[in-house]
Protein backbone atom coordinates (compact mmCIF):
# COMPACT_ATOMS: atom_id res chain seq x y z
CA MET A 1 -10.03 -4.33 18.52
CA CYS A 2 -9.75 -4.80 14.74
CA ARG A 3 -6.67 -6.79 13.74
CA ALA A 4 -5.00 -6.71 10.32
CA LEU A 5 -1.92 -8.45 8.95
CA PHE A 6 -0.08 -6.24 6.47
CA VAL A 7 2.20 -8.05 4.03
CA GLY A 8 4.85 -6.44 1.84
CA LEU A 9 7.74 -7.71 -0.24
CA SER A 10 9.46 -4.36 -0.79
CA PRO A 11 9.96 -2.27 2.38
CA GLY A 12 11.94 0.95 2.32
CA LEU A 13 13.54 3.83 4.15
CA GLN A 14 12.04 7.18 3.15
CA LYS A 15 14.10 10.34 3.55
CA THR A 16 11.92 13.46 3.33
CA MET A 17 13.89 16.65 2.62
CA ILE A 18 12.27 20.07 3.00
CA PHE A 19 13.54 23.02 0.95
CA ASP A 20 12.38 26.61 1.25
CA SER A 21 13.08 26.69 -2.49
CA PHE A 22 14.45 23.94 -4.73
CA THR A 23 16.16 24.98 -7.96
CA VAL A 24 17.27 22.54 -10.64
CA ASN A 25 20.94 22.88 -11.69
CA GLU A 26 21.66 25.00 -8.62
CA VAL A 27 22.88 24.22 -5.10
CA SER A 28 19.79 23.81 -2.93
CA ARG A 29 20.13 23.34 0.81
CA CYS A 30 17.36 21.62 2.75
CA SER A 31 16.15 23.27 5.92
CA GLU A 32 15.26 19.98 7.63
CA TYR A 33 14.78 16.32 6.86
CA PHE A 34 13.17 13.21 8.30
CA LEU A 35 13.93 9.51 7.92
CA ASP A 36 11.06 7.02 8.23
CA ALA A 37 10.49 3.31 7.93
CA SER A 38 8.31 3.17 4.84
CA GLY A 39 7.10 1.25 1.84
CA LYS A 40 3.39 0.67 1.19
CA CYS A 41 3.08 -2.14 3.73
CA ILE A 42 4.66 -0.19 6.59
CA ASN A 43 2.85 3.06 5.77
CA SER A 44 -0.55 1.36 5.80
CA ALA A 45 0.21 -0.60 8.96
CA ARG A 46 1.21 2.61 10.77
CA VAL A 47 -1.98 4.44 9.80
CA PHE A 48 -4.12 1.44 10.77
CA ALA A 49 -2.51 1.47 14.22
CA GLN A 50 -3.09 5.22 14.52
CA LEU A 51 -6.78 4.55 13.86
CA GLY A 52 -6.85 2.33 16.94
CA GLY A 53 -6.40 -1.08 15.31
CA TYR A 54 -3.74 -3.70 15.91
CA SER A 55 -1.46 -4.20 12.93
CA LEU A 56 1.48 -6.46 12.23
CA CYS A 57 3.67 -5.95 9.18
CA LEU A 58 5.24 -9.12 7.76
CA THR A 59 8.12 -8.15 5.49
CA GLN A 60 11.72 -9.03 4.71
CA VAL A 61 14.56 -6.98 6.17
CA GLY A 62 18.28 -7.24 5.78
CA GLY A 63 21.59 -5.77 4.75
CA GLU A 64 23.29 -2.76 6.29
CA ASN A 65 20.00 -0.95 6.96
CA GLU A 66 18.14 -3.76 8.75
CA ASN A 67 18.54 -2.37 12.27
CA LYS A 68 17.73 1.17 11.14
CA LEU A 69 14.46 0.07 9.55
CA LEU A 70 13.41 -1.97 12.58
CA SER A 71 14.30 0.82 14.99
CA LEU A 72 12.41 3.49 13.05
CA ALA A 73 9.39 1.22 12.65
CA ASP A 74 9.30 0.56 16.39
CA GLU A 75 9.62 4.27 17.21
CA SER A 76 6.63 5.07 15.00
CA GLY A 77 4.43 2.32 16.44
CA VAL A 78 4.74 -0.25 13.66
CA ASN A 79 5.07 -3.88 14.71
CA ILE A 80 7.35 -5.75 12.31
CA CYS A 81 7.54 -9.52 11.92
CA PRO A 82 10.84 -9.73 10.04
CA VAL A 83 11.99 -12.32 7.54
CA ARG A 84 15.75 -11.97 7.41
CA THR A 85 17.54 -11.64 4.06
CA ILE A 86 20.89 -10.45 2.73
CA ALA A 87 19.19 -7.96 0.41
CA ASP A 88 19.55 -4.33 1.49
CA VAL A 89 16.52 -2.23 2.36
CA ARG A 90 15.92 0.23 -0.48
CA TYR A 91 15.90 4.02 -0.12
CA CYS A 92 13.37 6.52 -1.44
CA TYR A 93 13.74 10.30 -1.29
CA THR A 94 11.09 13.01 -1.19
CA ILE A 95 11.96 16.59 -2.12
CA ILE A 96 9.46 19.11 -0.75
CA ASP A 97 9.61 22.63 -2.20
CA ARG A 98 7.73 24.97 0.13
CA THR A 99 7.77 27.87 -2.34
CA ASN A 100 6.18 25.94 -5.20
CA HIS A 101 4.14 23.58 -2.98
CA THR A 102 5.52 20.47 -4.69
CA ALA A 103 6.61 17.06 -3.44
CA THR A 104 8.78 14.93 -5.74
CA GLU A 105 9.63 11.32 -4.94
CA LEU A 106 12.87 9.70 -6.13
CA VAL A 107 12.87 5.90 -5.98
CA VAL A 108 16.28 4.24 -5.93
CA ASN A 109 16.54 1.02 -7.93
CA GLU A 110 15.54 -2.12 -6.05
CA PRO A 111 18.33 -3.83 -4.08
CA GLY A 112 19.75 -7.23 -4.95
CA SER A 113 17.72 -10.42 -5.10
CA VAL A 114 16.57 -12.20 -1.97
CA GLU A 115 17.89 -15.71 -1.42
CA VAL A 116 16.12 -18.74 -2.88
CA ASP A 117 15.00 -20.09 0.50
CA ILE A 118 13.46 -16.79 1.68
CA GLU A 119 10.16 -17.41 -0.11
CA LYS A 120 9.59 -20.70 1.72
CA THR A 121 10.39 -19.08 5.07
CA PHE A 122 8.11 -16.15 4.27
CA ILE A 123 5.14 -18.38 3.42
CA GLU A 124 5.69 -20.54 6.51
CA LYS A 125 5.61 -17.49 8.82
CA TYR A 126 2.60 -16.08 6.98
CA SER A 127 0.65 -19.33 7.23
CA LYS A 128 1.10 -19.40 10.99
CA LEU A 129 0.00 -15.78 11.42
CA VAL A 130 -3.11 -15.61 9.22
CA ALA A 131 -5.47 -17.26 11.71
CA GLU A 132 -4.82 -14.51 14.30
CA TYR A 133 -6.13 -11.64 12.14
CA ASP A 134 -9.43 -10.40 10.75
CA ALA A 135 -7.95 -9.31 7.43
CA VAL A 136 -4.84 -9.68 5.29
CA VAL A 137 -3.57 -6.63 3.40
CA ILE A 138 -1.07 -7.35 0.61
CA THR A 139 0.63 -4.30 -0.86
CA GLY A 140 3.37 -3.21 -3.22
CA SER A 141 5.85 -4.82 -5.55
CA ARG A 142 8.13 -7.79 -4.82
CA LEU A 143 11.89 -7.78 -4.78
CA PRO A 144 13.83 -9.85 -7.33
CA GLY A 145 14.18 -13.41 -6.09
CA PHE A 146 10.55 -13.81 -5.08
CA SER A 147 8.69 -15.95 -7.62
CA ASP A 148 5.61 -14.90 -9.57
CA ILE A 149 3.47 -17.37 -7.61
CA ILE A 150 4.11 -16.04 -4.10
CA ILE A 151 1.42 -13.35 -4.05
CA PRO A 152 -1.34 -15.58 -5.50
CA GLU A 153 -0.29 -18.19 -2.91
CA LEU A 154 -0.67 -15.63 -0.11
CA VAL A 155 -4.16 -14.79 -1.37
CA SER A 156 -5.12 -18.47 -1.57
CA ILE A 157 -3.93 -19.22 1.98
CA ALA A 158 -5.89 -16.26 3.40
CA LYS A 159 -9.11 -17.12 1.57
CA LYS A 160 -8.91 -20.76 2.64
CA ALA A 161 -8.73 -19.38 6.19
CA ALA A 162 -11.90 -17.33 5.46
CA LYS A 163 -10.17 -13.95 5.87
CA PHE A 164 -10.87 -10.66 4.11
CA VAL A 165 -8.09 -9.99 1.58
CA PHE A 166 -7.21 -6.44 0.50
CA ALA A 167 -4.91 -5.99 -2.52
CA ASP A 168 -2.86 -2.94 -3.48
CA TYR A 169 -0.49 -4.30 -6.13
CA ARG A 170 -0.64 -4.59 -9.91
CA ASN A 171 0.25 -6.28 -13.19
CA GLU A 172 0.78 -10.05 -13.32
CA ASP A 173 0.76 -10.36 -9.53
CA LEU A 174 -2.79 -9.02 -9.45
CA ASN A 175 -4.02 -10.81 -12.55
CA ASN A 176 -2.74 -14.13 -11.19
CA SER A 177 -4.53 -13.50 -7.88
CA PHE A 178 -7.95 -13.99 -9.47
CA ILE A 179 -8.08 -17.75 -9.02
CA SER A 180 -11.87 -18.19 -8.73
CA ARG A 181 -14.99 -16.32 -7.59
CA THR A 182 -14.14 -17.19 -3.99
CA VAL A 183 -10.32 -17.38 -4.02
CA ARG A 184 -9.38 -13.81 -4.95
CA PRO A 185 -8.91 -10.48 -3.20
CA ASP A 186 -12.15 -9.19 -1.66
CA PHE A 187 -11.08 -5.57 -2.15
CA VAL A 188 -8.69 -4.20 -4.78
CA LYS A 189 -7.42 -0.63 -4.34
CA LEU A 190 -5.48 0.90 -7.25
CA ASN A 191 -4.92 4.32 -8.72
CA MET A 192 -6.16 4.89 -12.26
CA ASP A 193 -2.76 4.48 -13.94
CA GLU A 194 -2.22 1.17 -12.14
CA PHE A 195 -5.69 -0.05 -13.13
CA LYS A 196 -5.17 0.77 -16.81
CA GLU A 197 -1.66 -0.69 -16.80
CA THR A 198 -2.91 -3.95 -15.30
CA PHE A 199 -6.15 -4.50 -17.18
CA HIS A 200 -5.81 -2.66 -20.50
CA ASP A 201 -6.23 -5.15 -23.36
CA ASN A 202 -4.26 -2.96 -25.81
CA ASN A 203 -7.42 -2.08 -27.74
CA ASP A 204 -8.41 1.50 -28.41
CA GLY A 205 -11.26 2.96 -26.39
CA PHE A 206 -10.58 1.28 -23.06
CA ASP A 207 -13.85 1.59 -21.12
CA VAL A 208 -12.93 1.95 -17.44
CA ASP A 209 -16.50 1.68 -16.11
CA ASN A 210 -17.26 -1.40 -18.19
CA LYS A 211 -14.04 -3.12 -17.13
CA LEU A 212 -14.64 -2.30 -13.48
CA GLN A 213 -18.19 -3.58 -13.66
CA LYS A 214 -17.19 -6.81 -15.40
CA LEU A 215 -14.28 -7.64 -13.07
CA SER A 216 -16.26 -6.99 -9.90
CA ARG A 217 -19.24 -8.96 -11.20
CA ASP A 218 -17.18 -11.90 -12.51
CA TYR A 219 -15.29 -12.26 -9.22
CA ASN A 220 -18.00 -11.03 -6.84
CA ASN A 221 -15.66 -8.53 -5.21
CA THR A 222 -14.96 -4.81 -4.94
CA PHE A 223 -12.62 -2.47 -6.84
CA ILE A 224 -11.74 1.06 -5.70
CA ILE A 225 -9.88 3.30 -8.17
CA THR A 226 -8.43 6.53 -6.79
CA GLN A 227 -7.35 9.55 -8.84
CA GLY A 228 -5.65 11.78 -6.28
CA ALA A 229 -7.86 14.81 -5.73
CA GLY A 230 -10.07 13.69 -8.61
CA GLN A 231 -13.08 11.40 -8.68
CA THR A 232 -12.78 8.03 -6.92
CA LEU A 233 -14.52 5.21 -8.78
CA PHE A 234 -15.71 1.96 -7.26
CA ALA A 235 -17.49 -1.20 -8.33
CA GLU A 236 -19.09 -3.59 -5.84
CA SER A 237 -20.20 -6.92 -7.35
CA GLY A 238 -21.06 -5.18 -10.62
CA LYS A 239 -22.57 -2.03 -9.10
CA ILE A 240 -20.72 1.13 -10.20
CA GLY A 241 -20.39 4.32 -8.14
CA SER A 242 -18.14 7.31 -7.51
CA PHE A 243 -17.42 10.17 -5.14
CA ILE A 244 -15.29 13.31 -5.09
CA PRO A 245 -12.84 13.55 -2.15
CA GLU A 246 -12.43 16.81 -0.27
CA LYS A 247 -9.74 18.94 -1.87
CA VAL A 248 -6.82 20.20 0.21
CA THR A 249 -3.50 21.88 -0.53
CA PRO A 250 -1.10 19.02 0.22
CA VAL A 251 2.08 19.35 2.23
CA ASN A 252 3.31 15.92 1.16
CA ALA A 253 1.13 13.58 -0.92
CA ILE A 254 3.50 10.61 -0.60
CA GLY A 255 1.71 7.76 1.18
CA CYS A 256 -1.83 9.06 0.61
CA GLY A 257 -2.86 5.87 -1.18
CA ASP A 258 -1.45 3.81 1.69
CA ALA A 259 -3.36 5.91 4.22
CA PHE A 260 -6.55 5.52 2.17
CA LEU A 261 -6.08 1.75 2.18
CA ALA A 262 -5.64 1.65 5.96
CA GLY A 263 -8.85 3.63 6.45
CA LEU A 264 -10.68 1.39 4.00
CA VAL A 265 -9.59 -1.73 5.89
CA MET A 266 -10.61 -0.27 9.24
CA GLY A 267 -13.98 0.84 7.89
CA ILE A 268 -14.78 -2.56 6.40
CA LEU A 269 -13.76 -4.40 9.56
CA LYS A 270 -15.84 -2.09 11.75
CA ASN A 271 -19.15 -2.09 9.85
CA ASN A 272 -18.63 -3.69 6.40
CA ILE A 273 -20.33 -0.76 4.62
CA LEU A 274 -18.28 0.22 1.55
CA GLU A 275 -19.35 3.87 1.30
CA GLU A 276 -18.54 4.53 4.96
CA ALA A 277 -15.21 2.71 4.65
CA MET A 278 -14.24 4.79 1.61
CA LYS A 279 -15.11 7.99 3.47
CA LEU A 280 -12.76 6.95 6.27
CA GLY A 281 -10.10 6.08 3.71
CA SER A 282 -10.50 9.49 2.07
CA GLU A 283 -10.25 11.24 5.44
CA CYS A 284 -7.03 9.34 6.20
CA ALA A 285 -5.59 10.29 2.80
CA LYS A 286 -6.41 13.96 3.49
CA LYS A 287 -4.71 13.87 6.89
CA ASN A 288 -1.68 12.18 5.37
CA ALA A 289 -1.46 14.86 2.66
CA LEU A 290 -1.31 17.54 5.36
CA ASN A 291 1.55 15.77 7.15
CA ILE A 292 5.24 16.14 6.33
CA ARG A 293 5.98 12.50 7.05
CA PRO A 294 4.47 9.72 4.85
CA GLY A 295 2.06 7.13 6.21
CA ASN A 296 1.06 9.34 9.11
CA ILE A 297 -2.32 10.88 10.03
CA ARG A 298 -1.31 12.46 13.34
CA GLN A 299 -0.62 16.19 13.40
């Protein structure tokens, strides 16, 4: 059985509200709603488990919603290794309008900072777990209180243990993770906006293909850039390619990137062929899009 350790520094509770019709500036009553343990780390870990792998999600939990998050995660088949904190679990809300076939996500501001000693505890737990897994998957943003060196440190520890590292995060956290040609994420999965935001050098005429090719060649790794229903670009050690995912009418597109990542990880661990892994990732994203609840590929 393939085993992956999913690591996230910003878990959440996702409330999905379904409206037959949602009208701005009017009273709109939802017909049903669901509450799920969520955040990129938890979503990906859940899909990986639904693919038949064993996943563990290392993340911090705390505040008034700690027990609710842990309970919902357990009910949905997500194994959580919690790092306790006083910071509340954040909430996100999805508004689904059945008439207009739209899904709008509202992200509440991040909760308060984690305590100073949480980072040390987090790294200690992580260091003990890494050896048990085939791959480490680091996703999402980090709450205030975590330093700007924690994510590069997580990458370094995993690479020194000779593990595959998958990255789905951006900006300085990602830039600082490229330590050398061998100590860096093996696979980086971003959407196009995240890629441009992270690597744009503020010059006109940003050449996406050239930047992808250079990064993957310089660091001997792989980048995958998704664009929703549009063309997915990839670069493997300097070799550029692309494919068009199957188009569907989505029910709820929230979590599709997380589902893609889970499929990518499973595909790489099973046969280490990038094209086949991306096809599995794309199939997972499609199944997620047809599901009301995020980070879920089961109908």
